[in-house]
Protein backbone atom coordinates (compact mmCIF):
# COMPACT_ATOMS: atom_id res chain seq x y z
CA UNK A 1 0.00 0.00 0.00
CA UNK A 2 2.90 2.34 0.68
CA UNK A 3 4.21 1.76 -2.83
CA UNK A 4 0.92 2.90 -4.39
CA UNK A 5 1.11 6.13 -2.38
CA UNK A 6 4.67 6.71 -3.58
CA UNK A 7 3.76 6.27 -7.24
CA UNK A 8 0.68 8.53 -7.02
CA UNK A 9 2.66 11.81 -7.03
CA UNK A 10 4.70 10.59 -10.01
CA UNK A 11 1.52 9.70 -11.88
CA UNK A 12 0.03 13.10 -11.07
CA UNK A 13 3.18 14.86 -12.32
CA UNK A 14 3.09 12.80 -15.51
CA UNK A 15 -0.57 13.64 -16.08
CA UNK A 16 0.11 17.31 -15.40
CA UNK A 17 3.00 17.32 -17.86
CA UNK A 18 0.85 15.60 -20.49
CA UNK A 19 -1.96 18.09 -19.90
CA UNK A 20 0.43 21.04 -20.29
CA UNK A 21 1.78 19.70 -23.57
CA UNK A 22 -1.75 19.17 -24.89
CA UNK A 23 -2.72 22.69 -23.80
CA UNK A 24 0.31 24.09 -25.65
CA UNK A 25 -0.64 22.09 -28.76
CA UNK A 26 -4.20 23.44 -28.55
CA UNK A 27 -2.90 27.00 -28.21
CA UNK A 28 -0.74 26.55 -31.32
CA UNK A 29 -3.70 25.17 -33.29
CA UNK A 30 -5.88 28.10 -32.18
CA UNK A 31 -3.20 30.56 -33.37
CA UNK A 32 -3.01 28.77 -36.73
CA UNK A 33 -6.79 28.88 -37.11
CA UNK A 34 -6.82 32.58 -36.29
CA UNK A 35 -4.05 33.28 -38.82
CA UNK A 36 -5.83 31.26 -41.52
CA UNK A 37 -9.08 33.09 -40.77
CA UNK A 38 -7.38 36.48 -41.26
CA UNK A 39 -5.81 35.38 -44.55
CA UNK A 40 -9.12 34.00 -45.78
CA UNK A 41 -10.84 37.25 -44.82
CA UNK A 42 -8.27 39.25 -46.81
CA UNK A 43 -8.69 37.03 -49.86
CA UNK A 44 -12.47 37.28 -49.64
CA UNK A 45 -12.26 41.08 -49.53
CA UNK A 46 -9.89 41.09 -52.51
CA UNK A 47 -12.21 38.86 -54.55
CA UNK A 48 -15.12 41.19 -53.79
CA UNK A 49 -13.13 44.26 -54.82
CA UNK A 50 -11.98 42.63 -58.05
CA UNK A 51 -15.49 41.45 -58.91
CA UNK A 52 -16.71 45.02 -58.41
CA UNK A 53 -13.99 46.32 -60.75
CA UNK A 54 -14.96 43.70 -63.34
CA UNK A 55 -18.61 44.76 -63.15
CA UNK A 56 -17.59 48.39 -63.65
CA UNK A 57 -15.45 47.42 -66.66
CA UNK A 58 -18.42 45.54 -68.15
CA UNK A 59 -20.47 48.75 -68.01
CA UNK A 60 -17.96 50.68 -70.11
CA UNK A 61 -18.30 51.20 -73.84
CA UNK A 62 -15.74 49.49 -76.06
CA UNK A 63 -14.00 52.76 -76.89
CA UNK A 64 -13.75 53.95 -73.29
CA UNK A 65 -10.35 54.75 -71.83
CA UNK A 66 -9.13 52.50 -69.03
CA UNK A 67 -6.13 53.40 -66.91
CA UNK A 68 -4.11 51.24 -64.56
CA UNK A 69 -2.24 52.73 -61.63
CA UNK A 70 1.38 51.56 -61.67
CA UNK A 71 3.25 53.23 -58.84
CA UNK A 72 2.57 56.96 -59.10
CA UNK A 73 1.68 56.78 -62.83
CA UNK A 74 -1.60 56.08 -64.63
CA UNK A 75 -0.96 53.92 -67.69
CA UNK A 76 -3.54 53.57 -70.45
CA UNK A 77 -4.72 49.99 -70.86
CA UNK A 78 -6.93 48.23 -73.37
CA UNK A 79 -10.40 47.46 -71.99
CA UNK A 80 -10.24 43.77 -73.00
CA UNK A 81 -6.77 43.44 -71.47
CA UNK A 82 -7.98 45.01 -68.23
CA UNK A 83 -10.92 42.59 -68.06
CA UNK A 84 -8.63 39.63 -68.73
CA UNK A 85 -6.23 40.75 -65.98
CA UNK A 86 -9.06 41.12 -63.46
CA UNK A 87 -10.51 37.71 -64.37
CA UNK A 88 -7.08 36.10 -63.94
CA UNK A 89 -6.67 37.82 -60.57
CA UNK A 90 -10.09 36.57 -59.43
CA UNK A 91 -9.20 33.03 -60.53
CA UNK A 92 -5.89 33.18 -58.67
CA UNK A 93 -7.40 34.50 -55.44
CA UNK A 94 -10.28 32.02 -55.61
CA UNK A 95 -7.78 29.19 -56.03
CA UNK A 96 -5.91 30.43 -52.95
CA UNK A 97 -9.14 30.37 -50.95
PDB file of N, CA and C in Angstrom:
ATOM      1  N   UNK A   1       0.820  -1.180   0.000  1.00  0.00           N
ATOM      2  CA  UNK A   1       0.000   0.000   0.000  1.00  0.00           C
ATOM      3  C   UNK A   1       0.873   1.257   0.000  1.00  0.00           C
ATOM      4  N   UNK A   2       1.998   1.201   0.660  1.00  0.00           N
ATOM      5  CA  UNK A   2       2.904   2.337   0.682  1.00  0.00           C
ATOM      6  C   UNK A   2       3.462   2.608  -0.700  1.00  0.00           C
ATOM      7  N   UNK A   3       3.670   1.556  -1.489  1.00  0.00           N
ATOM      8  CA  UNK A   3       4.212   1.759  -2.834  1.00  0.00           C
ATOM      9  C   UNK A   3       3.204   2.474  -3.730  1.00  0.00           C
ATOM     10  N   UNK A   4       1.912   2.228  -3.563  1.00  0.00           N
ATOM     11  CA  UNK A   4       0.915   2.902  -4.389  1.00  0.00           C
ATOM     12  C   UNK A   4       0.842   4.383  -4.030  1.00  0.00           C
ATOM     13  N   UNK A   5       1.096   4.728  -2.778  1.00  0.00           N
ATOM     14  CA  UNK A   5       1.114   6.129  -2.380  1.00  0.00           C
ATOM     15  C   UNK A   5       2.342   6.833  -2.943  1.00  0.00           C
ATOM     16  N   UNK A   6       3.441   6.120  -3.054  1.00  0.00           N
ATOM     17  CA  UNK A   6       4.674   6.713  -3.575  1.00  0.00           C
ATOM     18  C   UNK A   6       4.565   6.959  -5.077  1.00  0.00           C
ATOM     19  N   UNK A   7       3.866   6.104  -5.795  1.00  0.00           N
ATOM     20  CA  UNK A   7       3.755   6.274  -7.242  1.00  0.00           C
ATOM     21  C   UNK A   7       2.668   7.282  -7.617  1.00  0.00           C
ATOM     22  N   UNK A   8       1.766   7.589  -6.722  1.00  0.00           N
ATOM     23  CA  UNK A   8       0.682   8.525  -7.019  1.00  0.00           C
ATOM     24  C   UNK A   8       1.207   9.914  -7.388  1.00  0.00           C
ATOM     25  N   UNK A   9       2.153  10.494  -6.634  1.00  0.00           N
ATOM     26  CA  UNK A   9       2.659  11.812  -7.029  1.00  0.00           C
ATOM     27  C   UNK A   9       3.357  11.771  -8.402  1.00  0.00           C
ATOM     28  N   UNK A  10       4.046  10.707  -8.705  1.00  0.00           N
ATOM     29  CA  UNK A  10       4.705  10.593 -10.011  1.00  0.00           C
ATOM     30  C   UNK A  10       3.661  10.531 -11.120  1.00  0.00           C
ATOM     31  N   UNK A  11       2.584   9.805 -10.884  1.00  0.00           N
ATOM     32  CA  UNK A  11       1.523   9.700 -11.879  1.00  0.00           C
ATOM     33  C   UNK A  11       0.845  11.058 -12.073  1.00  0.00           C
ATOM     34  N   UNK A  12       0.652  11.779 -10.994  1.00  0.00           N
ATOM     35  CA  UNK A  12       0.034  13.096 -11.075  1.00  0.00           C
ATOM     36  C   UNK A  12       0.931  14.046 -11.857  1.00  0.00           C
ATOM     37  N   UNK A  13       2.241  14.001 -11.589  1.00  0.00           N
ATOM     38  CA  UNK A  13       3.184  14.855 -12.322  1.00  0.00           C
ATOM     39  C   UNK A  13       3.182  14.511 -13.813  1.00  0.00           C
ATOM     40  N   UNK A  14       3.104  13.235 -14.113  1.00  0.00           N
ATOM     41  CA  UNK A  14       3.091  12.802 -15.511  1.00  0.00           C
ATOM     42  C   UNK A  14       1.815  13.280 -16.201  1.00  0.00           C
ATOM     43  N   UNK A  15       0.691  13.170 -15.506  1.00  0.00           N
ATOM     44  CA  UNK A  15      -0.573  13.636 -16.077  1.00  0.00           C
ATOM     45  C   UNK A  15      -0.554  15.152 -16.280  1.00  0.00           C
ATOM     46  N   UNK A  16       0.022  15.858 -15.305  1.00  0.00           N
ATOM     47  CA  UNK A  16       0.112  17.313 -15.395  1.00  0.00           C
ATOM     48  C   UNK A  16       0.998  17.719 -16.573  1.00  0.00           C
ATOM     49  N   UNK A  17       2.101  17.035 -16.744  1.00  0.00           N
ATOM     50  CA  UNK A  17       2.998  17.316 -17.862  1.00  0.00           C
ATOM     51  C   UNK A  17       2.303  17.051 -19.201  1.00  0.00           C
ATOM     52  N   UNK A  18       1.580  15.942 -19.270  1.00  0.00           N
ATOM     53  CA  UNK A  18       0.849  15.603 -20.491  1.00  0.00           C
ATOM     54  C   UNK A  18      -0.223  16.649 -20.775  1.00  0.00           C
ATOM     55  N   UNK A  19      -0.917  17.073 -19.743  1.00  0.00           N
ATOM     56  CA  UNK A  19      -1.961  18.087 -19.899  1.00  0.00           C
ATOM     57  C   UNK A  19      -1.369  19.412 -20.389  1.00  0.00           C
ATOM     58  N   UNK A  20      -0.220  19.799 -19.853  1.00  0.00           N
ATOM     59  CA  UNK A  20       0.430  21.037 -20.285  1.00  0.00           C
ATOM     60  C   UNK A  20       0.837  20.967 -21.753  1.00  0.00           C
ATOM     61  N   UNK A  21       1.374  19.830 -22.169  1.00  0.00           N
ATOM     62  CA  UNK A  21       1.783  19.701 -23.566  1.00  0.00           C
ATOM     63  C   UNK A  21       0.563  19.734 -24.494  1.00  0.00           C
ATOM     64  N   UNK A  22      -0.535  19.136 -24.078  1.00  0.00           N
ATOM     65  CA  UNK A  22      -1.753  19.175 -24.894  1.00  0.00           C
ATOM     66  C   UNK A  22      -2.337  20.587 -24.935  1.00  0.00           C
ATOM     67  N   UNK A  23      -2.232  21.310 -23.827  1.00  0.00           N
ATOM     68  CA  UNK A  23      -2.716  22.695 -23.799  1.00  0.00           C
ATOM     69  C   UNK A  23      -1.873  23.567 -24.726  1.00  0.00           C
ATOM     70  N   UNK A  24      -0.567  23.337 -24.744  1.00  0.00           N
ATOM     71  CA  UNK A  24       0.310  24.087 -25.652  1.00  0.00           C
ATOM     72  C   UNK A  24      -0.010  23.763 -27.108  1.00  0.00           C
ATOM     73  N   UNK A  25      -0.275  22.495 -27.399  1.00  0.00           N
ATOM     74  CA  UNK A  25      -0.635  22.094 -28.759  1.00  0.00           C
ATOM     75  C   UNK A  25      -1.952  22.756 -29.171  1.00  0.00           C
ATOM     76  N   UNK A  26      -2.908  22.796 -28.268  1.00  0.00           N
ATOM     77  CA  UNK A  26      -4.195  23.435 -28.548  1.00  0.00           C
ATOM     78  C   UNK A  26      -4.007  24.925 -28.815  1.00  0.00           C
ATOM     79  N   UNK A  27      -3.167  25.568 -28.027  1.00  0.00           N
ATOM     80  CA  UNK A  27      -2.903  26.997 -28.206  1.00  0.00           C
ATOM     81  C   UNK A  27      -2.291  27.253 -29.584  1.00  0.00           C
ATOM     82  N   UNK A  28      -1.369  26.405 -30.004  1.00  0.00           N
ATOM     83  CA  UNK A  28      -0.744  26.549 -31.317  1.00  0.00           C
ATOM     84  C   UNK A  28      -1.784  26.378 -32.423  1.00  0.00           C
ATOM     85  N   UNK A  29      -2.655  25.405 -32.291  1.00  0.00           N
ATOM     86  CA  UNK A  29      -3.703  25.167 -33.288  1.00  0.00           C
ATOM     87  C   UNK A  29      -4.648  26.371 -33.358  1.00  0.00           C
ATOM     88  N   UNK A  30      -4.996  26.929 -32.203  1.00  0.00           N
ATOM     89  CA  UNK A  30      -5.883  28.095 -32.182  1.00  0.00           C
ATOM     90  C   UNK A  30      -5.234  29.287 -32.884  1.00  0.00           C
ATOM     91  N   UNK A  31      -3.913  29.478 -32.690  1.00  0.00           N
ATOM     92  CA  UNK A  31      -3.204  30.562 -33.371  1.00  0.00           C
ATOM     93  C   UNK A  31      -3.207  30.335 -34.872  1.00  0.00           C
ATOM     94  N   UNK A  32      -2.994  29.088 -35.297  1.00  0.00           N
ATOM     95  CA  UNK A  32      -3.008  28.766 -36.725  1.00  0.00           C
ATOM     96  C   UNK A  32      -4.383  29.032 -37.333  1.00  0.00           C
ATOM     97  N   UNK A  33      -5.423  28.652 -36.631  1.00  0.00           N
ATOM     98  CA  UNK A  33      -6.790  28.878 -37.111  1.00  0.00           C
ATOM     99  C   UNK A  33      -7.055  30.375 -37.243  1.00  0.00           C
ATOM    100  N   UNK A  34      -6.623  31.136 -36.263  1.00  0.00           N
ATOM    101  CA  UNK A  34      -6.823  32.581 -36.294  1.00  0.00           C
ATOM    102  C   UNK A  34      -6.085  33.201 -37.481  1.00  0.00           C
ATOM    103  N   UNK A  35      -4.845  32.771 -37.702  1.00  0.00           N
ATOM    104  CA  UNK A  35      -4.048  33.278 -38.822  1.00  0.00           C
ATOM    105  C   UNK A  35      -4.721  32.932 -40.152  1.00  0.00           C
ATOM    106  N   UNK A  36      -5.166  31.686 -40.288  1.00  0.00           N
ATOM    107  CA  UNK A  36      -5.834  31.264 -41.519  1.00  0.00           C
ATOM    108  C   UNK A  36      -7.128  32.044 -41.744  1.00  0.00           C
ATOM    109  N   UNK A  37      -7.831  32.318 -40.670  1.00  0.00           N
ATOM    110  CA  UNK A  37      -9.078  33.086 -40.771  1.00  0.00           C
ATOM    111  C   UNK A  37      -8.787  34.491 -41.306  1.00  0.00           C
ATOM    112  N   UNK A  38      -7.736  35.127 -40.806  1.00  0.00           N
ATOM    113  CA  UNK A  38      -7.382  36.477 -41.258  1.00  0.00           C
ATOM    114  C   UNK A  38      -6.997  36.474 -42.733  1.00  0.00           C
ATOM    115  N   UNK A  39      -6.220  35.478 -43.151  1.00  0.00           N
ATOM    116  CA  UNK A  39      -5.805  35.378 -44.551  1.00  0.00           C
ATOM    117  C   UNK A  39      -7.022  35.158 -45.444  1.00  0.00           C
ATOM    118  N   UNK A  40      -7.906  34.276 -45.006  1.00  0.00           N
ATOM    119  CA  UNK A  40      -9.120  34.000 -45.784  1.00  0.00           C
ATOM    120  C   UNK A  40      -9.980  35.259 -45.896  1.00  0.00           C
ATOM    121  N   UNK A  41     -10.062  36.012 -44.814  1.00  0.00           N
ATOM    122  CA  UNK A  41     -10.842  37.250 -44.819  1.00  0.00           C
ATOM    123  C   UNK A  41     -10.259  38.247 -45.822  1.00  0.00           C
ATOM    124  N   UNK A  42      -8.927  38.358 -45.855  1.00  0.00           N
ATOM    125  CA  UNK A  42      -8.272  39.254 -46.808  1.00  0.00           C
ATOM    126  C   UNK A  42      -8.558  38.837 -48.244  1.00  0.00           C
ATOM    127  N   UNK A  43      -8.432  37.529 -48.518  1.00  0.00           N
ATOM    128  CA  UNK A  43      -8.687  37.032 -49.861  1.00  0.00           C
ATOM    129  C   UNK A  43     -10.144  37.268 -50.263  1.00  0.00           C
ATOM    130  N   UNK A  44     -11.060  37.075 -49.344  1.00  0.00           N
ATOM    131  CA  UNK A  44     -12.473  37.284 -49.635  1.00  0.00           C
ATOM    132  C   UNK A  44     -12.737  38.752 -49.978  1.00  0.00           C
ATOM    133  N   UNK A  45     -12.117  39.646 -49.258  1.00  0.00           N
ATOM    134  CA  UNK A  45     -12.260  41.078 -49.534  1.00  0.00           C
ATOM    135  C   UNK A  45     -11.682  41.407 -50.906  1.00  0.00           C
ATOM    136  N   UNK A  46     -10.510  40.837 -51.219  1.00  0.00           N
ATOM    137  CA  UNK A  46      -9.885  41.093 -52.511  1.00  0.00           C
ATOM    138  C   UNK A  46     -10.741  40.569 -53.664  1.00  0.00           C
ATOM    139  N   UNK A  47     -11.337  39.406 -53.501  1.00  0.00           N
ATOM    140  CA  UNK A  47     -12.211  38.862 -54.546  1.00  0.00           C
ATOM    141  C   UNK A  47     -13.388  39.800 -54.758  1.00  0.00           C
ATOM    142  N   UNK A  48     -13.994  40.270 -53.687  1.00  0.00           N
ATOM    143  CA  UNK A  48     -15.124  41.192 -53.793  1.00  0.00           C
ATOM    144  C   UNK A  48     -14.744  42.477 -54.511  1.00  0.00           C
ATOM    145  N   UNK A  49     -13.583  43.030 -54.171  1.00  0.00           N
ATOM    146  CA  UNK A  49     -13.130  44.259 -54.823  1.00  0.00           C
ATOM    147  C   UNK A  49     -12.900  44.032 -56.312  1.00  0.00           C
ATOM    148  N   UNK A  50     -12.263  42.910 -56.655  1.00  0.00           N
ATOM    149  CA  UNK A  50     -11.977  42.626 -58.053  1.00  0.00           C
ATOM    150  C   UNK A  50     -13.249  42.347 -58.847  1.00  0.00           C
ATOM    151  N   UNK A  51     -14.211  41.685 -58.232  1.00  0.00           N
ATOM    152  CA  UNK A  51     -15.492  41.454 -58.914  1.00  0.00           C
ATOM    153  C   UNK A  51     -16.219  42.778 -59.165  1.00  0.00           C
ATOM    154  N   UNK A  52     -16.114  43.699 -58.227  1.00  0.00           N
ATOM    155  CA  UNK A  52     -16.711  45.017 -58.405  1.00  0.00           C
ATOM    156  C   UNK A  52     -16.044  45.757 -59.569  1.00  0.00           C
ATOM    157  N   UNK A  53     -14.723  45.687 -59.651  1.00  0.00           N
ATOM    158  CA  UNK A  53     -13.995  46.322 -60.753  1.00  0.00           C
ATOM    159  C   UNK A  53     -14.412  45.700 -62.082  1.00  0.00           C
ATOM    160  N   UNK A  54     -14.546  44.378 -62.102  1.00  0.00           N
ATOM    161  CA  UNK A  54     -14.956  43.697 -63.336  1.00  0.00           C
ATOM    162  C   UNK A  54     -16.353  44.143 -63.763  1.00  0.00           C
ATOM    163  N   UNK A  55     -17.266  44.288 -62.826  1.00  0.00           N
ATOM    164  CA  UNK A  55     -18.613  44.764 -63.154  1.00  0.00           C
ATOM    165  C   UNK A  55     -18.565  46.183 -63.729  1.00  0.00           C
ATOM    166  N   UNK A  56     -17.731  47.021 -63.155  1.00  0.00           N
ATOM    167  CA  UNK A  56     -17.587  48.391 -63.649  1.00  0.00           C
ATOM    168  C   UNK A  56     -17.005  48.386 -65.060  1.00  0.00           C
ATOM    169  N   UNK A  57     -16.038  47.507 -65.322  1.00  0.00           N
ATOM    170  CA  UNK A  57     -15.451  47.415 -66.660  1.00  0.00           C
ATOM    171  C   UNK A  57     -16.474  46.919 -67.677  1.00  0.00           C
ATOM    172  N   UNK A  58     -17.373  46.047 -67.253  1.00  0.00           N
ATOM    173  CA  UNK A  58     -18.417  45.536 -68.147  1.00  0.00           C
ATOM    174  C   UNK A  58     -19.385  46.646 -68.562  1.00  0.00           C
ATOM    175  N   UNK A  59     -19.552  47.650 -67.714  1.00  0.00           N
ATOM    176  CA  UNK A  59     -20.473  48.749 -68.008  1.00  0.00           C
ATOM    177  C   UNK A  59     -19.904  49.738 -69.027  1.00  0.00           C
ATOM    178  N   UNK A  60     -18.596  49.722 -69.211  1.00  0.00           N
ATOM    179  CA  UNK A  60     -17.960  50.683 -70.111  1.00  0.00           C
ATOM    180  C   UNK A  60     -18.224  50.355 -71.576  1.00  0.00           C
ATOM    181  N   UNK A  61     -18.223  51.382 -72.389  1.00  0.00           N
ATOM    182  CA  UNK A  61     -18.297  51.201 -73.838  1.00  0.00           C
ATOM    183  C   UNK A  61     -16.955  50.664 -74.320  1.00  0.00           C
ATOM    184  N   UNK A  62     -16.971  50.073 -75.511  1.00  0.00           N
ATOM    185  CA  UNK A  62     -15.741  49.489 -76.058  1.00  0.00           C
ATOM    186  C   UNK A  62     -14.642  50.528 -76.258  1.00  0.00           C
ATOM    187  N   UNK A  63     -14.997  51.734 -76.614  1.00  0.00           N
ATOM    188  CA  UNK A  63     -14.002  52.763 -76.887  1.00  0.00           C
ATOM    189  C   UNK A  63     -13.571  53.556 -75.662  1.00  0.00           C
ATOM    190  N   UNK A  64     -14.061  53.192 -74.507  1.00  0.00           N
ATOM    191  CA  UNK A  64     -13.754  53.952 -73.286  1.00  0.00           C
ATOM    192  C   UNK A  64     -12.291  53.770 -72.898  1.00  0.00           C
ATOM    193  N   UNK A  65     -11.743  54.812 -72.304  1.00  0.00           N
ATOM    194  CA  UNK A  65     -10.354  54.748 -71.832  1.00  0.00           C
ATOM    195  C   UNK A  65     -10.299  54.091 -70.462  1.00  0.00           C
ATOM    196  N   UNK A  66      -9.353  53.182 -70.310  1.00  0.00           N
ATOM    197  CA  UNK A  66      -9.131  52.505 -69.029  1.00  0.00           C
ATOM    198  C   UNK A  66      -7.683  52.758 -68.640  1.00  0.00           C
ATOM    199  N   UNK A  67      -7.482  53.124 -67.391  1.00  0.00           N
ATOM    200  CA  UNK A  67      -6.133  53.398 -66.907  1.00  0.00           C
ATOM    201  C   UNK A  67      -5.827  52.494 -65.721  1.00  0.00           C
ATOM    202  N   UNK A  68      -4.574  52.082 -65.664  1.00  0.00           N
ATOM    203  CA  UNK A  68      -4.105  51.237 -64.565  1.00  0.00           C
ATOM    204  C   UNK A  68      -3.059  52.028 -63.790  1.00  0.00           C
ATOM    205  N   UNK A  69      -3.187  52.019 -62.486  1.00  0.00           N
ATOM    206  CA  UNK A  69      -2.240  52.728 -61.633  1.00  0.00           C
ATOM    207  C   UNK A  69      -1.024  51.838 -61.398  1.00  0.00           C
ATOM    208  N   UNK A  70       0.121  52.277 -61.879  1.00  0.00           N
ATOM    209  CA  UNK A  70       1.385  51.557 -61.668  1.00  0.00           C
ATOM    210  C   UNK A  70       2.310  52.525 -60.942  1.00  0.00           C
ATOM    211  N   UNK A  71       2.473  52.290 -59.649  1.00  0.00           N
ATOM    212  CA  UNK A  71       3.246  53.233 -58.841  1.00  0.00           C
ATOM    213  C   UNK A  71       2.517  54.556 -58.817  1.00  0.00           C
ATOM    214  N   UNK A  72       3.227  55.652 -59.098  1.00  0.00           N
ATOM    215  CA  UNK A  72       2.569  56.964 -59.101  1.00  0.00           C
ATOM    216  C   UNK A  72       2.019  57.363 -60.470  1.00  0.00           C
ATOM    217  N   UNK A  73       2.036  56.443 -61.453  1.00  0.00           N
ATOM    218  CA  UNK A  73       1.685  56.783 -62.829  1.00  0.00           C
ATOM    219  C   UNK A  73       0.438  56.026 -63.278  1.00  0.00           C
ATOM    220  N   UNK A  74      -0.458  56.726 -63.988  1.00  0.00           N
ATOM    221  CA  UNK A  74      -1.605  56.084 -64.627  1.00  0.00           C
ATOM    222  C   UNK A  74      -1.199  55.701 -66.050  1.00  0.00           C
ATOM    223  N   UNK A  75      -1.347  54.424 -66.374  1.00  0.00           N
ATOM    224  CA  UNK A  75      -0.961  53.918 -67.688  1.00  0.00           C
ATOM    225  C   UNK A  75      -2.228  53.476 -68.412  1.00  0.00           C
ATOM    226  N   UNK A  76      -2.370  53.940 -69.664  1.00  0.00           N
ATOM    227  CA  UNK A  76      -3.541  53.572 -70.447  1.00  0.00           C
ATOM    228  C   UNK A  76      -3.482  52.075 -70.761  1.00  0.00           C
ATOM    229  N   UNK A  77      -4.646  51.427 -70.647  1.00  0.00           N
ATOM    230  CA  UNK A  77      -4.717  49.992 -70.858  1.00  0.00           C
ATOM    231  C   UNK A  77      -5.939  49.673 -71.714  1.00  0.00           C
ATOM    232  N   UNK A  78      -5.816  48.667 -72.541  1.00  0.00           N
ATOM    233  CA  UNK A  78      -6.931  48.225 -73.372  1.00  0.00           C
ATOM    234  C   UNK A  78      -8.021  47.646 -72.473  1.00  0.00           C
ATOM    235  N   UNK A  79      -9.274  47.924 -72.795  1.00  0.00           N
ATOM    236  CA  UNK A  79     -10.401  47.460 -71.985  1.00  0.00           C
ATOM    237  C   UNK A  79     -10.422  45.933 -71.884  1.00  0.00           C
ATOM    238  N   UNK A  80     -10.235  45.247 -72.998  1.00  0.00           N
ATOM    239  CA  UNK A  80     -10.243  43.774 -72.997  1.00  0.00           C
ATOM    240  C   UNK A  80      -9.089  43.221 -72.166  1.00  0.00           C
ATOM    241  N   UNK A  81      -7.931  43.872 -72.254  1.00  0.00           N
ATOM    242  CA  UNK A  81      -6.773  43.441 -71.469  1.00  0.00           C
ATOM    243  C   UNK A  81      -7.034  43.633 -69.974  1.00  0.00           C
ATOM    244  N   UNK A  82      -7.660  44.741 -69.630  1.00  0.00           N
ATOM    245  CA  UNK A  82      -7.982  45.013 -68.229  1.00  0.00           C
ATOM    246  C   UNK A  82      -8.942  43.962 -67.681  1.00  0.00           C
ATOM    247  N   UNK A  83      -9.966  43.618 -68.481  1.00  0.00           N
ATOM    248  CA  UNK A  83     -10.921  42.590 -68.062  1.00  0.00           C
ATOM    249  C   UNK A  83     -10.227  41.246 -67.880  1.00  0.00           C
ATOM    250  N   UNK A  84      -9.353  40.905 -68.815  1.00  0.00           N
ATOM    251  CA  UNK A  84      -8.632  39.633 -68.730  1.00  0.00           C
ATOM    252  C   UNK A  84      -7.751  39.588 -67.478  1.00  0.00           C
ATOM    253  N   UNK A  85      -7.084  40.699 -67.180  1.00  0.00           N
ATOM    254  CA  UNK A  85      -6.233  40.753 -65.978  1.00  0.00           C
ATOM    255  C   UNK A  85      -7.054  40.572 -64.704  1.00  0.00           C
ATOM    256  N   UNK A  86      -8.195  41.230 -64.646  1.00  0.00           N
ATOM    257  CA  UNK A  86      -9.057  41.124 -63.464  1.00  0.00           C
ATOM    258  C   UNK A  86      -9.587  39.702 -63.312  1.00  0.00           C
ATOM    259  N   UNK A  87     -10.015  39.092 -64.429  1.00  0.00           N
ATOM    260  CA  UNK A  87     -10.512  37.714 -64.370  1.00  0.00           C
ATOM    261  C   UNK A  87      -9.432  36.756 -63.884  1.00  0.00           C
ATOM    262  N   UNK A  88      -8.200  36.939 -64.377  1.00  0.00           N
ATOM    263  CA  UNK A  88      -7.083  36.096 -63.937  1.00  0.00           C
ATOM    264  C   UNK A  88      -6.831  36.284 -62.440  1.00  0.00           C
ATOM    265  N   UNK A  89      -6.891  37.531 -61.983  1.00  0.00           N
ATOM    266  CA  UNK A  89      -6.667  37.823 -60.569  1.00  0.00           C
ATOM    267  C   UNK A  89      -7.741  37.157 -59.712  1.00  0.00           C
ATOM    268  N   UNK A  90      -8.996  37.213 -60.163  1.00  0.00           N
ATOM    269  CA  UNK A  90     -10.093  36.574 -59.428  1.00  0.00           C
ATOM    270  C   UNK A  90      -9.881  35.065 -59.374  1.00  0.00           C
ATOM    271  N   UNK A  91      -9.474  34.471 -60.501  1.00  0.00           N
ATOM    272  CA  UNK A  91      -9.199  33.031 -60.535  1.00  0.00           C
ATOM    273  C   UNK A  91      -8.089  32.661 -59.557  1.00  0.00           C
ATOM    274  N   UNK A  92      -7.023  33.443 -59.551  1.00  0.00           N
ATOM    275  CA  UNK A  92      -5.887  33.178 -58.666  1.00  0.00           C
ATOM    276  C   UNK A  92      -6.307  33.256 -57.195  1.00  0.00           C
ATOM    277  N   UNK A  93      -7.008  34.312 -56.846  1.00  0.00           N
ATOM    278  CA  UNK A  93      -7.403  34.502 -55.436  1.00  0.00           C
ATOM    279  C   UNK A  93      -8.391  33.405 -55.024  1.00  0.00           C
ATOM    280  N   UNK A  94      -9.321  33.070 -55.915  1.00  0.00           N
ATOM    281  CA  UNK A  94     -10.282  32.020 -55.612  1.00  0.00           C
ATOM    282  C   UNK A  94      -9.576  30.688 -55.401  1.00  0.00           C
ATOM    283  N   UNK A  95      -8.549  30.422 -56.207  1.00  0.00           N
ATOM    284  CA  UNK A  95      -7.777  29.187 -56.025  1.00  0.00           C
ATOM    285  C   UNK A  95      -7.059  29.180 -54.676  1.00  0.00           C
ATOM    286  N   UNK A  96      -6.578  30.337 -54.253  1.00  0.00           N
ATOM    287  CA  UNK A  96      -5.907  30.432 -52.948  1.00  0.00           C
ATOM    288  C   UNK A  96      -6.881  30.169 -51.797  1.00  0.00           C
ATOM    289  N   UNK A  97      -8.136  30.602 -51.982  1.00  0.00           N
ATOM    290  CA  UNK A  97      -9.141  30.367 -50.952  1.00  0.00           C
ATOM    291  C   UNK A  97      -9.387  28.878 -50.798  1.00  0.00           C
TER     292      UNK A  97
END
